[in-house]
Amino acid sequence: MTKEPDQCELCRRTPVLTTVHHLTPREEGGSLLPTANLCVACHQHIHHLYTNRQLVELQLTTIKALLTDPQQASFLKWIRKQPASTIPYHGNLPMYDSPVNDKIELSSVSCRPVQ
């Protein structure tokens, strides 16, 4: 499957700002291993659910594995129905800290693409 620069490889929403997700976390030896372009919402959700160690231990190091993970799958079912600008609020991610809403819109967040 071809990587589209403005499409999330998990939820397939487009157009979205994508970030580079190391499928095997860098601190677990994944610096030179495959990466995936994920929207901010999917990337945040993965790291909200799992530590980097857990991603490796649970073998969640491929797009296929992430798509079939029950916790991630239920999130994907929900996020696919949301506008591309939706970024859910997880409460423990200070970059997107929002005391008012349980989700924020991408247009209200200062982001820059990964180069």
N, C-alpha and C. Protein backbone atom coordinates (compact mmCIF):
# COMPACT_ATOMS: atom_id res chain seq x y z
N MET A 1 0.85 -1.17 0.00
CA MET A 1 0.00 0.00 0.00
C MET A 1 0.90 1.24 0.00
N THR A 2 0.61 2.19 -0.87
CA THR A 2 1.39 3.41 -0.97
C THR A 2 1.07 4.35 0.17
N LYS A 3 2.11 4.97 0.73
CA LYS A 3 1.92 5.95 1.80
C LYS A 3 1.52 7.28 1.19
N GLU A 4 0.40 7.82 1.60
CA GLU A 4 -0.03 9.15 1.20
C GLU A 4 0.40 10.11 2.29
N PRO A 5 1.02 11.24 1.96
CA PRO A 5 1.54 12.13 2.99
C PRO A 5 0.49 12.76 3.89
N ASP A 6 -0.75 12.85 3.43
CA ASP A 6 -1.79 13.47 4.25
C ASP A 6 -2.88 12.50 4.65
N GLN A 7 -2.56 11.20 4.65
CA GLN A 7 -3.52 10.17 5.07
C GLN A 7 -2.90 9.31 6.17
N CYS A 8 -3.68 9.11 7.22
CA CYS A 8 -3.24 8.26 8.32
C CYS A 8 -3.26 6.80 7.88
N GLU A 9 -2.18 6.10 8.16
CA GLU A 9 -2.10 4.69 7.77
C GLU A 9 -2.96 3.78 8.63
N LEU A 10 -3.45 4.27 9.77
CA LEU A 10 -4.34 3.47 10.61
C LEU A 10 -5.80 3.76 10.33
N CYS A 11 -6.22 4.98 10.55
CA CYS A 11 -7.65 5.28 10.41
C CYS A 11 -8.04 5.62 8.97
N ARG A 12 -7.03 5.90 8.12
CA ARG A 12 -7.22 6.20 6.70
C ARG A 12 -7.91 7.54 6.45
N ARG A 13 -8.08 8.37 7.52
CA ARG A 13 -8.70 9.68 7.32
C ARG A 13 -7.75 10.57 6.52
N THR A 14 -8.33 11.46 5.75
CA THR A 14 -7.57 12.40 4.95
C THR A 14 -8.41 13.64 4.71
N PRO A 15 -7.85 14.82 4.53
CA PRO A 15 -6.45 15.15 4.74
C PRO A 15 -6.20 15.41 6.22
N VAL A 16 -5.13 14.87 6.73
CA VAL A 16 -4.74 15.07 8.13
C VAL A 16 -3.25 15.37 8.19
N LEU A 17 -2.86 16.08 9.23
CA LEU A 17 -1.45 16.26 9.53
C LEU A 17 -0.95 14.93 10.06
N THR A 18 0.09 14.39 9.46
CA THR A 18 0.62 13.12 9.93
C THR A 18 1.93 13.33 10.68
N THR A 19 2.18 12.42 11.60
CA THR A 19 3.43 12.40 12.35
C THR A 19 4.07 11.03 12.12
N VAL A 20 5.37 10.96 12.28
CA VAL A 20 6.08 9.70 12.07
C VAL A 20 6.04 8.88 13.36
N HIS A 21 5.49 7.68 13.25
CA HIS A 21 5.45 6.74 14.38
C HIS A 21 6.43 5.62 14.09
N HIS A 22 7.39 5.44 14.98
CA HIS A 22 8.32 4.31 14.86
C HIS A 22 7.57 3.05 15.31
N LEU A 23 7.33 2.15 14.38
CA LEU A 23 6.55 0.95 14.71
C LEU A 23 7.20 0.15 15.82
N THR A 24 8.51 0.06 15.82
CA THR A 24 9.26 -0.42 16.97
C THR A 24 9.87 0.83 17.59
N PRO A 25 9.50 1.17 18.81
CA PRO A 25 9.99 2.41 19.41
C PRO A 25 11.52 2.52 19.36
N ARG A 26 11.99 3.75 19.16
CA ARG A 26 13.43 3.98 19.07
C ARG A 26 14.16 3.45 20.30
N GLU A 27 13.60 3.69 21.49
CA GLU A 27 14.28 3.24 22.71
C GLU A 27 14.29 1.72 22.86
N GLU A 28 13.52 1.05 22.00
CA GLU A 28 13.50 -0.42 22.00
C GLU A 28 14.22 -0.98 20.77
N GLY A 29 15.07 -0.15 20.17
CA GLY A 29 15.89 -0.60 19.04
C GLY A 29 15.31 -0.30 17.67
N GLY A 30 14.30 0.53 17.57
CA GLY A 30 13.63 0.76 16.30
C GLY A 30 14.07 1.96 15.50
N SER A 31 15.19 2.57 15.83
CA SER A 31 15.65 3.78 15.13
C SER A 31 15.72 3.62 13.62
N LEU A 32 16.18 2.48 13.17
CA LEU A 32 16.35 2.26 11.73
C LEU A 32 15.30 1.32 11.14
N LEU A 33 14.29 0.98 11.93
CA LEU A 33 13.24 0.06 11.48
C LEU A 33 12.07 0.85 10.88
N PRO A 34 11.11 0.18 10.27
CA PRO A 34 10.01 0.86 9.58
C PRO A 34 9.22 1.83 10.47
N THR A 35 8.69 2.85 9.80
CA THR A 35 7.84 3.85 10.45
C THR A 35 6.50 3.89 9.73
N ALA A 36 5.55 4.59 10.33
CA ALA A 36 4.23 4.77 9.72
C ALA A 36 3.82 6.23 9.87
N ASN A 37 3.11 6.74 8.88
CA ASN A 37 2.55 8.09 8.96
C ASN A 37 1.18 7.98 9.63
N LEU A 38 1.08 8.52 10.84
CA LEU A 38 -0.17 8.46 11.60
C LEU A 38 -0.67 9.86 11.88
N CYS A 39 -2.00 10.00 11.92
CA CYS A 39 -2.57 11.28 12.33
C CYS A 39 -2.28 11.46 13.82
N VAL A 40 -2.38 12.68 14.27
CA VAL A 40 -2.10 12.99 15.67
C VAL A 40 -3.01 12.17 16.59
N ALA A 41 -4.29 12.03 16.22
CA ALA A 41 -5.24 11.30 17.06
C ALA A 41 -4.82 9.84 17.25
N CYS A 42 -4.49 9.15 16.16
CA CYS A 42 -4.10 7.74 16.27
C CYS A 42 -2.77 7.60 16.99
N HIS A 43 -1.82 8.48 16.70
CA HIS A 43 -0.51 8.41 17.35
C HIS A 43 -0.65 8.61 18.85
N GLN A 44 -1.42 9.62 19.24
CA GLN A 44 -1.63 9.87 20.67
C GLN A 44 -2.30 8.68 21.34
N HIS A 45 -3.29 8.11 20.67
CA HIS A 45 -4.04 7.02 21.28
C HIS A 45 -3.15 5.79 21.54
N ILE A 46 -2.29 5.48 20.60
CA ILE A 46 -1.36 4.35 20.78
C ILE A 46 -0.54 4.56 22.05
N HIS A 47 0.02 5.77 22.19
CA HIS A 47 0.89 6.03 23.35
C HIS A 47 0.10 6.29 24.63
N HIS A 48 -1.19 6.55 24.50
CA HIS A 48 -2.06 6.64 25.67
C HIS A 48 -2.34 5.24 26.22
N LEU A 49 -2.51 4.29 25.32
CA LEU A 49 -2.82 2.91 25.72
C LEU A 49 -1.60 2.12 26.20
N TYR A 50 -0.47 2.32 25.54
CA TYR A 50 0.67 1.44 25.76
C TYR A 50 1.97 2.21 25.96
N THR A 51 2.83 1.66 26.81
CA THR A 51 4.19 2.18 26.92
C THR A 51 4.98 1.64 25.72
N ASN A 52 6.15 2.20 25.49
CA ASN A 52 6.98 1.70 24.40
C ASN A 52 7.36 0.24 24.62
N ARG A 53 7.64 -0.13 25.85
CA ARG A 53 7.98 -1.52 26.18
C ARG A 53 6.79 -2.44 25.86
N GLN A 54 5.57 -2.01 26.23
CA GLN A 54 4.39 -2.83 25.97
C GLN A 54 4.14 -3.02 24.47
N LEU A 55 4.40 -1.99 23.68
CA LEU A 55 4.23 -2.12 22.23
C LEU A 55 5.07 -3.27 21.69
N VAL A 56 6.29 -3.40 22.20
CA VAL A 56 7.17 -4.48 21.76
C VAL A 56 6.74 -5.81 22.36
N GLU A 57 6.47 -5.84 23.66
CA GLU A 57 6.08 -7.09 24.32
C GLU A 57 4.80 -7.68 23.75
N LEU A 58 3.85 -6.80 23.38
CA LEU A 58 2.58 -7.26 22.81
C LEU A 58 2.65 -7.43 21.30
N GLN A 59 3.84 -7.22 20.74
CA GLN A 59 4.08 -7.34 19.30
C GLN A 59 3.19 -6.42 18.47
N LEU A 60 2.99 -5.21 18.96
CA LEU A 60 2.21 -4.20 18.24
C LEU A 60 3.15 -3.31 17.43
N THR A 61 3.96 -3.96 16.60
CA THR A 61 5.01 -3.27 15.87
C THR A 61 4.80 -3.26 14.36
N THR A 62 3.57 -3.54 13.94
CA THR A 62 3.20 -3.43 12.52
C THR A 62 1.83 -2.76 12.44
N ILE A 63 1.53 -2.22 11.29
CA ILE A 63 0.20 -1.63 11.09
C ILE A 63 -0.87 -2.71 11.25
N LYS A 64 -0.62 -3.89 10.69
CA LYS A 64 -1.59 -4.99 10.80
C LYS A 64 -1.87 -5.33 12.26
N ALA A 65 -0.83 -5.41 13.08
CA ALA A 65 -1.01 -5.73 14.50
C ALA A 65 -1.81 -4.64 15.20
N LEU A 66 -1.51 -3.39 14.89
CA LEU A 66 -2.25 -2.28 15.51
C LEU A 66 -3.72 -2.28 15.08
N LEU A 67 -3.98 -2.61 13.82
CA LEU A 67 -5.35 -2.65 13.32
C LEU A 67 -6.18 -3.75 13.98
N THR A 68 -5.54 -4.84 14.36
CA THR A 68 -6.27 -5.97 14.95
C THR A 68 -6.27 -5.96 16.48
N ASP A 69 -5.53 -5.04 17.09
CA ASP A 69 -5.54 -4.93 18.55
C ASP A 69 -6.92 -4.47 18.99
N PRO A 70 -7.59 -5.20 19.90
CA PRO A 70 -8.97 -4.85 20.29
C PRO A 70 -9.14 -3.42 20.81
N GLN A 71 -8.22 -2.94 21.63
CA GLN A 71 -8.37 -1.58 22.16
C GLN A 71 -8.20 -0.54 21.06
N GLN A 72 -7.23 -0.76 20.18
CA GLN A 72 -7.02 0.18 19.09
C GLN A 72 -8.16 0.08 18.08
N ALA A 73 -8.66 -1.12 17.84
CA ALA A 73 -9.73 -1.32 16.86
C ALA A 73 -11.00 -0.57 17.25
N SER A 74 -11.34 -0.56 18.53
CA SER A 74 -12.55 0.15 18.95
C SER A 74 -12.36 1.66 18.78
N PHE A 75 -11.16 2.16 19.04
CA PHE A 75 -10.87 3.58 18.81
C PHE A 75 -10.96 3.90 17.32
N LEU A 76 -10.39 3.03 16.48
CA LEU A 76 -10.42 3.27 15.03
C LEU A 76 -11.84 3.30 14.50
N LYS A 77 -12.69 2.43 15.02
CA LYS A 77 -14.09 2.42 14.59
C LYS A 77 -14.73 3.78 14.88
N TRP A 78 -14.40 4.37 16.02
CA TRP A 78 -14.96 5.66 16.40
C TRP A 78 -14.32 6.80 15.61
N ILE A 79 -12.99 6.84 15.55
CA ILE A 79 -12.29 7.98 14.94
C ILE A 79 -12.58 8.09 13.46
N ARG A 80 -12.81 6.98 12.79
CA ARG A 80 -13.11 7.02 11.35
C ARG A 80 -14.39 7.79 11.04
N LYS A 81 -15.26 7.91 12.02
CA LYS A 81 -16.52 8.64 11.84
C LYS A 81 -16.38 10.13 12.15
N GLN A 82 -15.21 10.53 12.66
CA GLN A 82 -14.99 11.92 13.08
C GLN A 82 -14.36 12.72 11.94
N PRO A 83 -14.58 14.06 11.96
CA PRO A 83 -13.92 14.90 10.96
C PRO A 83 -12.40 14.74 11.05
N ALA A 84 -11.73 14.94 9.95
CA ALA A 84 -10.27 14.78 9.91
C ALA A 84 -9.57 15.71 10.89
N SER A 85 -10.21 16.78 11.28
CA SER A 85 -9.58 17.74 12.19
C SER A 85 -9.71 17.36 13.67
N THR A 86 -10.45 16.31 13.99
CA THR A 86 -10.67 15.92 15.38
C THR A 86 -9.44 15.27 16.00
N ILE A 87 -9.06 15.79 17.18
CA ILE A 87 -8.01 15.19 18.00
C ILE A 87 -8.61 14.97 19.38
N PRO A 88 -8.86 13.73 19.78
CA PRO A 88 -9.44 13.47 21.11
C PRO A 88 -8.51 13.95 22.21
N TYR A 89 -9.07 14.33 23.31
CA TYR A 89 -8.31 14.80 24.46
C TYR A 89 -8.16 13.65 25.45
N HIS A 90 -6.92 13.24 25.72
CA HIS A 90 -6.66 12.13 26.64
C HIS A 90 -6.34 12.57 28.05
N GLY A 91 -6.18 13.86 28.27
CA GLY A 91 -5.99 14.36 29.62
C GLY A 91 -4.59 14.31 30.17
N ASN A 92 -3.71 13.49 29.61
CA ASN A 92 -2.36 13.41 30.15
C ASN A 92 -1.31 13.80 29.11
N LEU A 93 -1.73 14.49 28.07
CA LEU A 93 -0.81 14.91 27.04
C LEU A 93 -0.75 16.43 27.04
N PRO A 94 0.24 17.01 27.73
CA PRO A 94 0.27 18.46 27.95
C PRO A 94 0.28 19.28 26.67
N MET A 95 0.82 18.75 25.58
CA MET A 95 0.84 19.50 24.32
C MET A 95 -0.57 19.85 23.86
N TYR A 96 -1.54 19.01 24.19
CA TYR A 96 -2.92 19.21 23.77
C TYR A 96 -3.84 19.40 24.96
N ASP A 97 -3.30 19.89 26.06
CA ASP A 97 -4.07 20.06 27.28
C ASP A 97 -5.23 21.02 27.06
N SER A 98 -6.43 20.56 27.34
CA SER A 98 -7.63 21.37 27.16
C SER A 98 -8.59 21.08 28.30
N PRO A 99 -8.72 22.01 29.27
CA PRO A 99 -9.57 21.75 30.43
C PRO A 99 -11.06 21.80 30.11
N VAL A 100 -11.44 22.29 28.95
CA VAL A 100 -12.84 22.52 28.65
C VAL A 100 -13.48 21.38 27.85
N ASN A 101 -12.78 20.91 26.82
CA ASN A 101 -13.37 19.96 25.89
C ASN A 101 -12.77 18.57 26.03
N ASP A 102 -13.53 17.54 25.63
CA ASP A 102 -12.97 16.19 25.63
C ASP A 102 -12.35 15.88 24.28
N LYS A 103 -12.45 16.79 23.33
CA LYS A 103 -11.72 16.70 22.08
C LYS A 103 -11.46 18.11 21.61
N ILE A 104 -10.42 18.27 20.83
CA ILE A 104 -10.10 19.58 20.31
C ILE A 104 -9.96 19.47 18.81
N GLU A 105 -10.08 20.58 18.13
CA GLU A 105 -9.96 20.60 16.69
C GLU A 105 -8.53 20.94 16.29
N LEU A 106 -8.04 20.33 15.24
CA LEU A 106 -6.69 20.55 14.78
C LEU A 106 -6.44 22.03 14.52
N SER A 107 -7.43 22.75 14.05
CA SER A 107 -7.24 24.16 13.74
C SER A 107 -6.92 24.98 14.98
N SER A 108 -7.20 24.45 16.17
CA SER A 108 -6.92 25.18 17.40
C SER A 108 -5.58 24.79 18.02
N VAL A 109 -4.83 23.93 17.33
CA VAL A 109 -3.56 23.45 17.85
C VAL A 109 -2.44 23.93 16.94
N SER A 110 -1.38 24.38 17.51
CA SER A 110 -0.22 24.79 16.74
C SER A 110 0.62 23.56 16.45
N CYS A 111 0.66 23.13 15.20
CA CYS A 111 1.40 21.94 14.82
C CYS A 111 2.31 22.28 13.66
N ARG A 112 3.37 21.52 13.53
CA ARG A 112 4.20 21.65 12.34
C ARG A 112 4.52 20.26 11.84
N PRO A 113 4.58 20.10 10.53
CA PRO A 113 4.83 18.77 9.97
C PRO A 113 6.21 18.25 10.33
N VAL A 114 6.34 16.95 10.44
CA VAL A 114 7.63 16.31 10.68
C VAL A 114 8.39 16.31 9.37
N GLN A 115 9.66 16.69 9.40
CA GLN A 115 10.44 16.74 8.16
C GLN A 115 11.52 15.71 8.14
